[in-house]
Amino acid sequence: AIEKFERAVKDGTTNLEKGHVDLEWVYHYGCAFDLLGDLTGEPHHFEKAIHILSQVVQLDPQDYHARYNLALAYYHLADI
């Protein structure tokens, strides 16, 4: 999932700042990094998840799933 999203961004088919991407897709992208961090124990995956999920929350503050998973990513980072 991470590779496909990054390929789409690199090809210029999405642009988060201009709203050309579905925020749910970006939300799942951030969650994928959090899961990858759980599997590998690498802090940079959690940091990437936090960055992505923070953008989702900034663009849609009412997205409680994104807020919850952002909090989880912070917890996972602090836990390691």
PDB file of N, CA and C in Angstrom:
ATOM      1  N   ALA A   1       0.831  -1.193   0.000  1.00  0.00           N
ATOM      2  CA  ALA A   1       0.000   0.000   0.000  1.00  0.00           C
ATOM      3  C   ALA A   1       0.874   1.255   0.000  1.00  0.00           C
ATOM      4  N   ILE A   2       1.930   1.212   0.805  1.00  0.00           N
ATOM      5  CA  ILE A   2       2.826   2.362   0.891  1.00  0.00           C
ATOM      6  C   ILE A   2       3.500   2.608  -0.448  1.00  0.00           C
ATOM      7  N   GLU A   3       3.975   1.560  -1.075  1.00  0.00           N
ATOM      8  CA  GLU A   3       4.664   1.696  -2.364  1.00  0.00           C
ATOM      9  C   GLU A   3       3.737   2.240  -3.440  1.00  0.00           C
ATOM     10  N   LYS A   4       2.496   1.769  -3.481  1.00  0.00           N
ATOM     11  CA  LYS A   4       1.550   2.240  -4.499  1.00  0.00           C
ATOM     12  C   LYS A   4       1.210   3.711  -4.299  1.00  0.00           C
ATOM     13  N   PHE A   5       1.024   4.128  -3.063  1.00  0.00           N
ATOM     14  CA  PHE A   5       0.718   5.532  -2.818  1.00  0.00           C
ATOM     15  C   PHE A   5       1.895   6.414  -3.214  1.00  0.00           C
ATOM     16  N   GLU A   6       3.096   5.999  -2.835  1.00  0.00           N
ATOM     17  CA  GLU A   6       4.274   6.794  -3.171  1.00  0.00           C
ATOM     18  C   GLU A   6       4.493   6.865  -4.673  1.00  0.00           C
ATOM     19  N   ARG A   7       4.194   5.792  -5.375  1.00  0.00           N
ATOM     20  CA  ARG A   7       4.312   5.800  -6.830  1.00  0.00           C
ATOM     21  C   ARG A   7       3.306   6.784  -7.435  1.00  0.00           C
ATOM     22  N   ALA A   8       2.108   6.822  -6.908  1.00  0.00           N
ATOM     23  CA  ALA A   8       1.091   7.753  -7.410  1.00  0.00           C
ATOM     24  C   ALA A   8       1.506   9.199  -7.161  1.00  0.00           C
ATOM     25  N   VAL A   9       2.086   9.458  -5.993  1.00  0.00           N
ATOM     26  CA  VAL A   9       2.547  10.811  -5.679  1.00  0.00           C
ATOM     27  C   VAL A   9       3.697  11.199  -6.596  1.00  0.00           C
ATOM     28  N   LYS A  10       4.625  10.288  -6.819  1.00  0.00           N
ATOM     29  CA  LYS A  10       5.784  10.565  -7.666  1.00  0.00           C
ATOM     30  C   LYS A  10       5.365  10.831  -9.107  1.00  0.00           C
ATOM     31  N   ASP A  11       4.318  10.141  -9.564  1.00  0.00           N
ATOM     32  CA  ASP A  11       3.842  10.328 -10.931  1.00  0.00           C
ATOM     33  C   ASP A  11       3.050  11.627 -11.095  1.00  0.00           C
ATOM     34  N   GLY A  12       2.772  12.291  -9.984  1.00  0.00           N
ATOM     35  CA  GLY A  12       2.041  13.560 -10.060  1.00  0.00           C
ATOM     36  C   GLY A  12       0.549  13.383 -10.207  1.00  0.00           C
ATOM     37  N   THR A  13       0.033  12.185  -9.900  1.00  0.00           N
ATOM     38  CA  THR A  13      -1.400  11.971 -10.049  1.00  0.00           C
ATOM     39  C   THR A  13      -2.184  12.394  -8.819  1.00  0.00           C
ATOM     40  N   THR A  14      -1.486  12.756  -7.735  1.00  0.00           N
ATOM     41  CA  THR A  14      -2.177  13.233  -6.535  1.00  0.00           C
ATOM     42  C   THR A  14      -1.483  14.484  -6.034  1.00  0.00           C
ATOM     43  N   ASN A  15      -2.235  15.317  -5.347  1.00  0.00           N
ATOM     44  CA  ASN A  15      -1.671  16.519  -4.745  1.00  0.00           C
ATOM     45  C   ASN A  15      -2.476  16.817  -3.493  1.00  0.00           C
ATOM     46  N   LEU A  16      -1.926  16.465  -2.326  1.00  0.00           N
ATOM     47  CA  LEU A  16      -2.651  16.586  -1.068  1.00  0.00           C
ATOM     48  C   LEU A  16      -3.022  18.029  -0.761  1.00  0.00           C
ATOM     49  N   GLU A  17      -2.110  18.973  -0.964  1.00  0.00           N
ATOM     50  CA  GLU A  17      -2.382  20.352  -0.599  1.00  0.00           C
ATOM     51  C   GLU A  17      -3.534  20.946  -1.409  1.00  0.00           C
ATOM     52  N   LYS A  18      -3.685  20.538  -2.629  1.00  0.00           N
ATOM     53  CA  LYS A  18      -4.752  21.094  -3.471  1.00  0.00           C
ATOM     54  C   LYS A  18      -6.036  20.283  -3.380  1.00  0.00           C
ATOM     55  N   GLY A  19      -6.058  19.286  -2.503  1.00  0.00           N
ATOM     56  CA  GLY A  19      -7.277  18.519  -2.290  1.00  0.00           C
ATOM     57  C   GLY A  19      -7.597  17.527  -3.386  1.00  0.00           C
ATOM     58  N   HIS A  20      -6.606  17.102  -4.155  1.00  0.00           N
ATOM     59  CA  HIS A  20      -6.852  16.179  -5.251  1.00  0.00           C
ATOM     60  C   HIS A  20      -6.730  14.717  -4.847  1.00  0.00           C
ATOM     61  N   VAL A  21      -6.650  14.471  -3.580  1.00  0.00           N
ATOM     62  CA  VAL A  21      -6.529  13.096  -3.124  1.00  0.00           C
ATOM     63  C   VAL A  21      -7.583  12.853  -2.045  1.00  0.00           C
ATOM     64  N   ASP A  22      -8.104  11.661  -2.011  1.00  0.00           N
ATOM     65  CA  ASP A  22      -9.099  11.277  -1.020  1.00  0.00           C
ATOM     66  C   ASP A  22      -8.416  11.170   0.342  1.00  0.00           C
ATOM     67  N   LEU A  23      -8.888  11.925   1.327  1.00  0.00           N
ATOM     68  CA  LEU A  23      -8.261  11.910   2.643  1.00  0.00           C
ATOM     69  C   LEU A  23      -8.328  10.536   3.303  1.00  0.00           C
ATOM     70  N   GLU A  24      -9.329   9.763   2.971  1.00  0.00           N
ATOM     71  CA  GLU A  24      -9.408   8.408   3.528  1.00  0.00           C
ATOM     72  C   GLU A  24      -8.226   7.571   3.047  1.00  0.00           C
ATOM     73  N   TRP A  25      -7.848   7.786   1.798  1.00  0.00           N
ATOM     74  CA  TRP A  25      -6.687   7.089   1.237  1.00  0.00           C
ATOM     75  C   TRP A  25      -5.424   7.493   1.999  1.00  0.00           C
ATOM     76  N   VAL A  26      -5.254   8.768   2.261  1.00  0.00           N
ATOM     77  CA  VAL A  26      -4.097   9.271   2.990  1.00  0.00           C
ATOM     78  C   VAL A  26      -4.121   8.751   4.428  1.00  0.00           C
ATOM     79  N   TYR A  27      -5.301   8.703   5.016  1.00  0.00           N
ATOM     80  CA  TYR A  27      -5.462   8.146   6.366  1.00  0.00           C
ATOM     81  C   TYR A  27      -4.932   6.718   6.414  1.00  0.00           C
ATOM     82  N   HIS A  28      -5.325   5.906   5.454  1.00  0.00           N
ATOM     83  CA  HIS A  28      -4.864   4.512   5.413  1.00  0.00           C
ATOM     84  C   HIS A  28      -3.360   4.434   5.151  1.00  0.00           C
ATOM     85  N   TYR A  29      -2.840   5.354   4.397  1.00  0.00           N
ATOM     86  CA  TYR A  29      -1.401   5.441   4.149  1.00  0.00           C
ATOM     87  C   TYR A  29      -0.666   5.669   5.475  1.00  0.00           C
ATOM     88  N   GLY A  30      -1.163   6.595   6.279  1.00  0.00           N
ATOM     89  CA  GLY A  30      -0.558   6.850   7.587  1.00  0.00           C
ATOM     90  C   GLY A  30      -0.672   5.648   8.508  1.00  0.00           C
ATOM     91  N   CYS A  31      -1.825   4.998   8.488  1.00  0.00           N
ATOM     92  CA  CYS A  31      -2.013   3.804   9.311  1.00  0.00           C
ATOM     93  C   CYS A  31      -1.072   2.685   8.879  1.00  0.00           C
ATOM     94  N   ALA A  32      -0.799   2.602   7.586  1.00  0.00           N
ATOM     95  CA  ALA A  32       0.124   1.581   7.087  1.00  0.00           C
ATOM     96  C   ALA A  32       1.525   1.802   7.651  1.00  0.00           C
ATOM     97  N   PHE A  33       1.945   3.050   7.762  1.00  0.00           N
ATOM     98  CA  PHE A  33       3.253   3.334   8.363  1.00  0.00           C
ATOM     99  C   PHE A  33       3.271   2.974   9.844  1.00  0.00           C
ATOM    100  N   ASP A  34       2.168   3.228  10.535  1.00  0.00           N
ATOM    101  CA  ASP A  34       2.095   2.857  11.942  1.00  0.00           C
ATOM    102  C   ASP A  34       2.212   1.342  12.097  1.00  0.00           C
ATOM    103  N   LEU A  35       1.512   0.612  11.260  1.00  0.00           N
ATOM    104  CA  LEU A  35       1.591  -0.853  11.292  1.00  0.00           C
ATOM    105  C   LEU A  35       2.996  -1.331  10.946  1.00  0.00           C
ATOM    106  N   LEU A  36       3.602  -0.730   9.958  1.00  0.00           N
ATOM    107  CA  LEU A  36       4.972  -1.090   9.584  1.00  0.00           C
ATOM    108  C   LEU A  36       5.928  -0.833  10.750  1.00  0.00           C
ATOM    109  N   GLY A  37       5.714   0.257  11.462  1.00  0.00           N
ATOM    110  CA  GLY A  37       6.520   0.531  12.647  1.00  0.00           C
ATOM    111  C   GLY A  37       6.337  -0.531  13.716  1.00  0.00           C
ATOM    112  N   ASP A  38       5.089  -0.991  13.899  1.00  0.00           N
ATOM    113  CA  ASP A  38       4.830  -2.077  14.849  1.00  0.00           C
ATOM    114  C   ASP A  38       5.575  -3.344  14.455  1.00  0.00           C
ATOM    115  N   LEU A  39       5.608  -3.619  13.162  1.00  0.00           N
ATOM    116  CA  LEU A  39       6.246  -4.843  12.687  1.00  0.00           C
ATOM    117  C   LEU A  39       7.768  -4.777  12.742  1.00  0.00           C
ATOM    118  N   THR A  40       8.336  -3.596  12.496  1.00  0.00           N
ATOM    119  CA  THR A  40       9.791  -3.481  12.414  1.00  0.00           C
ATOM    120  C   THR A  40      10.428  -2.885  13.664  1.00  0.00           C
ATOM    121  N   GLY A  41       9.655  -2.113  14.420  1.00  0.00           N
ATOM    122  CA  GLY A  41      10.209  -1.432  15.583  1.00  0.00           C
ATOM    123  C   GLY A  41      11.053  -0.220  15.238  1.00  0.00           C
ATOM    124  N   GLU A  42      10.980   0.233  13.988  1.00  0.00           N
ATOM    125  CA  GLU A  42      11.752   1.383  13.526  1.00  0.00           C
ATOM    126  C   GLU A  42      10.997   2.684  13.831  1.00  0.00           C
ATOM    127  N   PRO A  43      11.616   3.592  14.586  1.00  0.00           N
ATOM    128  CA  PRO A  43      10.923   4.838  14.951  1.00  0.00           C
ATOM    129  C   PRO A  43      10.583   5.732  13.764  1.00  0.00           C
ATOM    130  N   HIS A  44      11.354   5.672  12.682  1.00  0.00           N
ATOM    131  CA  HIS A  44      11.072   6.574  11.562  1.00  0.00           C
ATOM    132  C   HIS A  44       9.737   6.239  10.894  1.00  0.00           C
ATOM    133  N   HIS A  45       9.283   4.990  11.006  1.00  0.00           N
ATOM    134  CA  HIS A  45       7.964   4.646  10.458  1.00  0.00           C
ATOM    135  C   HIS A  45       6.861   5.327  11.274  1.00  0.00           C
ATOM    136  N   PHE A  46       7.018   5.339  12.594  1.00  0.00           N
ATOM    137  CA  PHE A  46       6.039   6.023  13.437  1.00  0.00           C
ATOM    138  C   PHE A  46       6.060   7.526  13.189  1.00  0.00           C
ATOM    139  N   GLU A  47       7.254   8.078  13.007  1.00  0.00           N
ATOM    140  CA  GLU A  47       7.363   9.508  12.724  1.00  0.00           C
ATOM    141  C   GLU A  47       6.669   9.864  11.419  1.00  0.00           C
ATOM    142  N   LYS A  48       6.805   9.013  10.415  1.00  0.00           N
ATOM    143  CA  LYS A  48       6.138   9.236   9.125  1.00  0.00           C
ATOM    144  C   LYS A  48       4.621   9.139   9.300  1.00  0.00           C
ATOM    145  N   ALA A  49       4.165   8.150  10.079  1.00  0.00           N
ATOM    146  CA  ALA A  49       2.732   8.008  10.349  1.00  0.00           C
ATOM    147  C   ALA A  49       2.192   9.248  11.041  1.00  0.00           C
ATOM    148  N   ILE A  50       2.938   9.761  12.009  1.00  0.00           N
ATOM    149  CA  ILE A  50       2.521  10.961  12.733  1.00  0.00           C
ATOM    150  C   ILE A  50       2.424  12.151  11.787  1.00  0.00           C
ATOM    151  N   HIS A  51       3.401  12.293  10.919  1.00  0.00           N
ATOM    152  CA  HIS A  51       3.391  13.400   9.954  1.00  0.00           C
ATOM    153  C   HIS A  51       2.171  13.313   9.035  1.00  0.00           C
ATOM    154  N   ILE A  52       1.914  12.151   8.505  1.00  0.00           N
ATOM    155  CA  ILE A  52       0.802  11.970   7.563  1.00  0.00           C
ATOM    156  C   ILE A  52      -0.536  12.157   8.261  1.00  0.00           C
ATOM    157  N   LEU A  53      -0.711  11.498   9.405  1.00  0.00           N
ATOM    158  CA  LEU A  53      -1.985  11.593  10.112  1.00  0.00           C
ATOM    159  C   LEU A  53      -2.226  13.004  10.640  1.00  0.00           C
ATOM    160  N   SER A  54      -1.178  13.719  10.988  1.00  0.00           N
ATOM    161  CA  SER A  54      -1.331  15.119  11.407  1.00  0.00           C
ATOM    162  C   SER A  54      -1.890  15.966  10.269  1.00  0.00           C
ATOM    163  N   GLN A  55      -1.437  15.705   9.050  1.00  0.00           N
ATOM    164  CA  GLN A  55      -1.962  16.436   7.891  1.00  0.00           C
ATOM    165  C   GLN A  55      -3.433  16.132   7.678  1.00  0.00           C
ATOM    166  N   VAL A  56      -3.821  14.875   7.852  1.00  0.00           N
ATOM    167  CA  VAL A  56      -5.228  14.503   7.690  1.00  0.00           C
ATOM    168  C   VAL A  56      -6.079  15.234   8.727  1.00  0.00           C
ATOM    169  N   VAL A  57      -5.622  15.231   9.980  1.00  0.00           N
ATOM    170  CA  VAL A  57      -6.366  15.903  11.052  1.00  0.00           C
ATOM    171  C   VAL A  57      -6.427  17.409  10.805  1.00  0.00           C
ATOM    172  N   GLN A  58      -5.354  17.978  10.289  1.00  0.00           N
ATOM    173  CA  GLN A  58      -5.351  19.412   9.995  1.00  0.00           C
ATOM    174  C   GLN A  58      -6.368  19.738   8.903  1.00  0.00           C
ATOM    175  N   LEU A  59      -6.464  18.893   7.886  1.00  0.00           N
ATOM    176  CA  LEU A  59      -7.389  19.143   6.787  1.00  0.00           C
ATOM    177  C   LEU A  59      -8.829  18.792   7.134  1.00  0.00           C
ATOM    178  N   ASP A  60      -9.002  17.823   8.049  1.00  0.00           N
ATOM    179  CA  ASP A  60     -10.344  17.423   8.471  1.00  0.00           C
ATOM    180  C   ASP A  60     -10.343  17.168   9.980  1.00  0.00           C
ATOM    181  N   PRO A  61     -10.481  18.236  10.774  1.00  0.00           N
ATOM    182  CA  PRO A  61     -10.407  18.092  12.232  1.00  0.00           C
ATOM    183  C   PRO A  61     -11.499  17.202  12.823  1.00  0.00           C
ATOM    184  N   GLN A  62     -12.569  16.971  12.086  1.00  0.00           N
ATOM    185  CA  GLN A  62     -13.663  16.134  12.583  1.00  0.00           C
ATOM    186  C   GLN A  62     -13.461  14.644  12.306  1.00  0.00           C
ATOM    187  N   ASP A  63     -12.360  14.281  11.682  1.00  0.00           N
ATOM    188  CA  ASP A  63     -12.081  12.872  11.397  1.00  0.00           C
ATOM    189  C   ASP A  63     -11.527  12.215  12.661  1.00  0.00           C
ATOM    190  N   TYR A  64     -12.442  11.643  13.437  1.00  0.00           N
ATOM    191  CA  TYR A  64     -12.056  11.085  14.728  1.00  0.00           C
ATOM    192  C   TYR A  64     -11.225   9.812  14.594  1.00  0.00           C
ATOM    193  N   HIS A  65     -11.380   9.085  13.509  1.00  0.00           N
ATOM    194  CA  HIS A  65     -10.534   7.908  13.286  1.00  0.00           C
ATOM    195  C   HIS A  65      -9.083   8.338  13.093  1.00  0.00           C
ATOM    196  N   ALA A  66      -8.889   9.400  12.333  1.00  0.00           N
ATOM    197  CA  ALA A  66      -7.533   9.902  12.111  1.00  0.00           C
ATOM    198  C   ALA A  66      -6.940  10.428  13.410  1.00  0.00           C
ATOM    199  N   ARG A  67      -7.745  11.116  14.205  1.00  0.00           N
ATOM    200  CA  ARG A  67      -7.258  11.635  15.490  1.00  0.00           C
ATOM    201  C   ARG A  67      -6.859  10.494  16.413  1.00  0.00           C
ATOM    202  N   TYR A  68      -7.678   9.455  16.449  1.00  0.00           N
ATOM    203  CA  TYR A  68      -7.394   8.287  17.289  1.00  0.00           C
ATOM    204  C   TYR A  68      -6.102   7.604  16.837  1.00  0.00           C
ATOM    205  N   ASN A  69      -5.962   7.384  15.542  1.00  0.00           N
ATOM    206  CA  ASN A  69      -4.767   6.710  15.047  1.00  0.00           C
ATOM    207  C   ASN A  69      -3.522   7.583  15.159  1.00  0.00           C
ATOM    208  N   LEU A  70      -3.688   8.885  15.102  1.00  0.00           N
ATOM    209  CA  LEU A  70      -2.570   9.791  15.357  1.00  0.00           C
ATOM    210  C   LEU A  70      -2.101   9.625  16.804  1.00  0.00           C
ATOM    211  N   ALA A  71      -3.043   9.566  17.724  1.00  0.00           N
ATOM    212  CA  ALA A  71      -2.691   9.356  19.137  1.00  0.00           C
ATOM    213  C   ALA A  71      -1.994   8.007  19.320  1.00  0.00           C
ATOM    214  N   LEU A  72      -2.473   6.977  18.634  1.00  0.00           N
ATOM    215  CA  LEU A  72      -1.830   5.665  18.709  1.00  0.00           C
ATOM    216  C   LEU A  72      -0.404   5.701  18.171  1.00  0.00           C
ATOM    217  N   ALA A  73      -0.202   6.416  17.083  1.00  0.00           N
ATOM    218  CA  ALA A  73       1.143   6.513  16.509  1.00  0.00           C
ATOM    219  C   ALA A  73       2.090   7.214  17.485  1.00  0.00           C
ATOM    220  N   TYR A  74       1.583   8.263  18.147  1.00  0.00           N
ATOM    221  CA  TYR A  74       2.403   8.919  19.170  1.00  0.00           C
ATOM    222  C   TYR A  74       2.715   7.947  20.312  1.00  0.00           C
ATOM    223  N   TYR A  75       1.722   7.178  20.721  1.00  0.00           N
ATOM    224  CA  TYR A  75       1.917   6.198  21.795  1.00  0.00           C
ATOM    225  C   TYR A  75       2.953   5.155  21.389  1.00  0.00           C
ATOM    226  N   HIS A  76       2.818   4.638  20.167  1.00  0.00           N
ATOM    227  CA  HIS A  76       3.763   3.616  19.694  1.00  0.00           C
ATOM    228  C   HIS A  76       5.183   4.163  19.641  1.00  0.00           C
ATOM    229  N   LEU A  77       5.332   5.400  19.183  1.00  0.00           N
ATOM    230  CA  LEU A  77       6.656   6.005  19.139  1.00  0.00           C
ATOM    231  C   LEU A  77       7.223   6.150  20.547  1.00  0.00           C
ATOM    232  N   ALA A  78       6.393   6.616  21.472  1.00  0.00           N
ATOM    233  CA  ALA A  78       6.857   6.787  22.848  1.00  0.00           C
ATOM    234  C   ALA A  78       7.181   5.443  23.498  1.00  0.00           C
ATOM    235  N   ASP A  79       6.440   4.418  23.102  1.00  0.00           N
ATOM    236  CA  ASP A  79       6.627   3.091  23.691  1.00  0.00           C
ATOM    237  C   ASP A  79       7.958   2.464  23.315  1.00  0.00           C
ATOM    238  N   ILE A  80       8.439   2.764  22.107  1.00  0.00           N
ATOM    239  CA  ILE A  80       9.723   2.164  21.721  1.00  0.00           C
ATOM    240  C   ILE A  80      10.859   3.030  22.219  1.00  0.00           C
TER     241      ILE A  80
END
